[in-house]
C-alpha atoms as a PDB file:
ATOM      1  CA  UNK A   1      41.850 -26.894 112.583  1.00  0.00           C
ATOM      2  CA  UNK A   2      38.602 -26.385 114.583  1.00  0.00           C
ATOM      3  CA  UNK A   3      38.639 -23.934 117.894  1.00  0.00           C
ATOM      4  CA  UNK A   4      36.608 -24.425 121.174  1.00  0.00           C
ATOM      5  CA  UNK A   5      33.522 -22.488 121.442  1.00  0.00           C
ATOM      6  CA  UNK A   6      33.510 -19.342 122.436  1.00  0.00           C
ATOM      7  CA  UNK A   7      31.494 -19.535 125.862  1.00  0.00           C
ATOM      8  CA  UNK A   8      29.600 -16.315 128.022  1.00  0.00           C
ATOM      9  CA  UNK A   9      32.547 -15.949 130.581  1.00  0.00           C
ATOM     10  CA  UNK A  10      35.373 -15.607 128.338  1.00  0.00           C
ATOM     11  CA  UNK A  11      33.024 -13.355 125.893  1.00  0.00           C
ATOM     12  CA  UNK A  12      32.128 -10.709 128.364  1.00  0.00           C
ATOM     13  CA  UNK A  13      35.992 -11.274 128.816  1.00  0.00           C
ATOM     14  CA  UNK A  14      37.438 -10.098 125.723  1.00  0.00           C
ATOM     15  CA  UNK A  15      34.295  -7.762 125.496  1.00  0.00           C
ATOM     16  CA  UNK A  16      35.517  -6.138 128.575  1.00  0.00           C
ATOM     17  CA  UNK A  17      39.518  -6.096 127.656  1.00  0.00           C
ATOM     18  CA  UNK A  18      38.351  -4.156 123.937  1.00  0.00           C
ATOM     19  CA  UNK A  19      36.659  -1.925 126.760  1.00  0.00           C
ATOM     20  CA  UNK A  20      33.120  -2.773 125.748  1.00  0.00           C
ATOM     21  CA  UNK A  21      32.224  -3.803 128.955  1.00  0.00           C
ATOM     22  CA  UNK A  22      28.547  -6.174 129.005  1.00  0.00           C
ATOM     23  CA  UNK A  23      25.774  -6.555 130.945  1.00  0.00           C
ATOM     24  CA  UNK A  24      25.351 -10.101 131.751  1.00  0.00           C
ATOM     25  CA  UNK A  25      22.068 -11.195 130.155  1.00  0.00           C
ATOM     26  CA  UNK A  26      24.220 -10.629 126.745  1.00  0.00           C
ATOM     27  CA  UNK A  27      26.988 -12.261 127.976  1.00  0.00           C
ATOM     28  CA  UNK A  28      25.931 -15.626 125.587  1.00  0.00           C
ATOM     29  CA  UNK A  29      24.685 -14.008 122.595  1.00  0.00           C
ATOM     30  CA  UNK A  30      27.666 -12.485 121.815  1.00  0.00           C
ATOM     31  CA  UNK A  31      29.841 -15.999 122.195  1.00  0.00           C
ATOM     32  CA  UNK A  32      27.694 -17.310 120.183  1.00  0.00           C
ATOM     33  CA  UNK A  33      27.455 -14.124 117.555  1.00  0.00           C
ATOM     34  CA  UNK A  34      31.442 -14.225 117.831  1.00  0.00           C
ATOM     35  CA  UNK A  35      31.446 -17.776 116.805  1.00  0.00           C
ATOM     36  CA  UNK A  36      29.273 -17.361 114.323  1.00  0.00           C
ATOM     37  CA  UNK A  37      31.515 -15.092 112.837  1.00  0.00           C
ATOM     38  CA  UNK A  38      34.824 -17.019 113.569  1.00  0.00           C
ATOM     39  CA  UNK A  39      33.627 -20.172 111.020  1.00  0.00           C
ATOM     40  CA  UNK A  40      31.935 -17.509 108.226  1.00  0.00           C
ATOM     41  CA  UNK A  41      35.792 -15.849 108.341  1.00  0.00           C
ATOM     42  CA  UNK A  42      37.547 -19.629 108.502  1.00  0.00           C
ATOM     43  CA  UNK A  43      34.957 -20.614 105.704  1.00  0.00           C
ATOM     44  CA  UNK A  44      36.499 -17.029 103.474  1.00  0.00           C
ATOM     45  CA  UNK A  45      39.929 -18.345 104.392  1.00  0.00           C
ATOM     46  CA  UNK A  46      39.409 -21.310 102.565  1.00  0.00           C
ATOM     47  CA  UNK A  47      38.527 -20.262  99.147  1.00  0.00           C
ATOM     48  CA  UNK A  48      40.875 -19.708  96.612  1.00  0.00           C
ATOM     49  CA  UNK A  49      41.115 -16.675  94.914  1.00  0.00           C
ATOM     50  CA  UNK A  50      43.863 -17.527  92.370  1.00  0.00           C
ATOM     51  CA  UNK A  51      44.222 -14.772  90.224  1.00  0.00           C
ATOM     52  CA  UNK A  52      41.388 -12.754  91.624  1.00  0.00           C
ATOM     53  CA  UNK A  53      42.286  -8.752  91.253  1.00  0.00           C
ATOM     54  CA  UNK A  54      41.374  -6.615  94.938  1.00  0.00           C
ATOM     55  CA  UNK A  55      38.126  -5.251  94.854  1.00  0.00           C
ATOM     56  CA  UNK A  56      39.905  -1.725  94.399  1.00  0.00           C
ATOM     57  CA  UNK A  57      40.924  -2.096  90.734  1.00  0.00           C
ATOM     58  CA  UNK A  58      36.958  -2.882  89.793  1.00  0.00           C
ATOM     59  CA  UNK A  59      35.959  -0.976  87.086  1.00  0.00           C
ATOM     60  CA  UNK A  60      32.518  -0.548  87.027  1.00  0.00           C
ATOM     61  CA  UNK A  61      32.383   1.912  83.297  1.00  0.00           C
ATOM     62  CA  UNK A  62      30.214  -0.114  80.821  1.00  0.00           C
ATOM     63  CA  UNK A  63      32.203  -2.008  78.236  1.00  0.00           C
ATOM     64  CA  UNK A  64      32.272  -0.402  75.030  1.00  0.00           C
ATOM     65  CA  UNK A  65      31.044  -3.123  71.732  1.00  0.00           C
ATOM     66  CA  UNK A  66      32.484  -2.825  68.928  1.00  0.00           C
ATOM     67  CA  UNK A  67      31.253  -1.071  65.905  1.00  0.00           C
ATOM     68  CA  UNK A  68      31.991  -3.982  63.097  1.00  0.00           C
ATOM     69  CA  UNK A  69      30.431  -6.588  62.790  1.00  0.00           C
END
């Protein structure tokens, strides 16, 4: 599903609405950055993680090798 590009004016509107008023020269840069973030998140949503457990259950402890051969 494709979404239309965020315009500089829309970026300024949403930033202001979020309480983050931007200087005029930053509107286009913020719009471009928001589009990039949206593209990355869209790609991540398409991935199939299957049975992958959340990172919170990962244990970085080393495996203890079995002493028997």
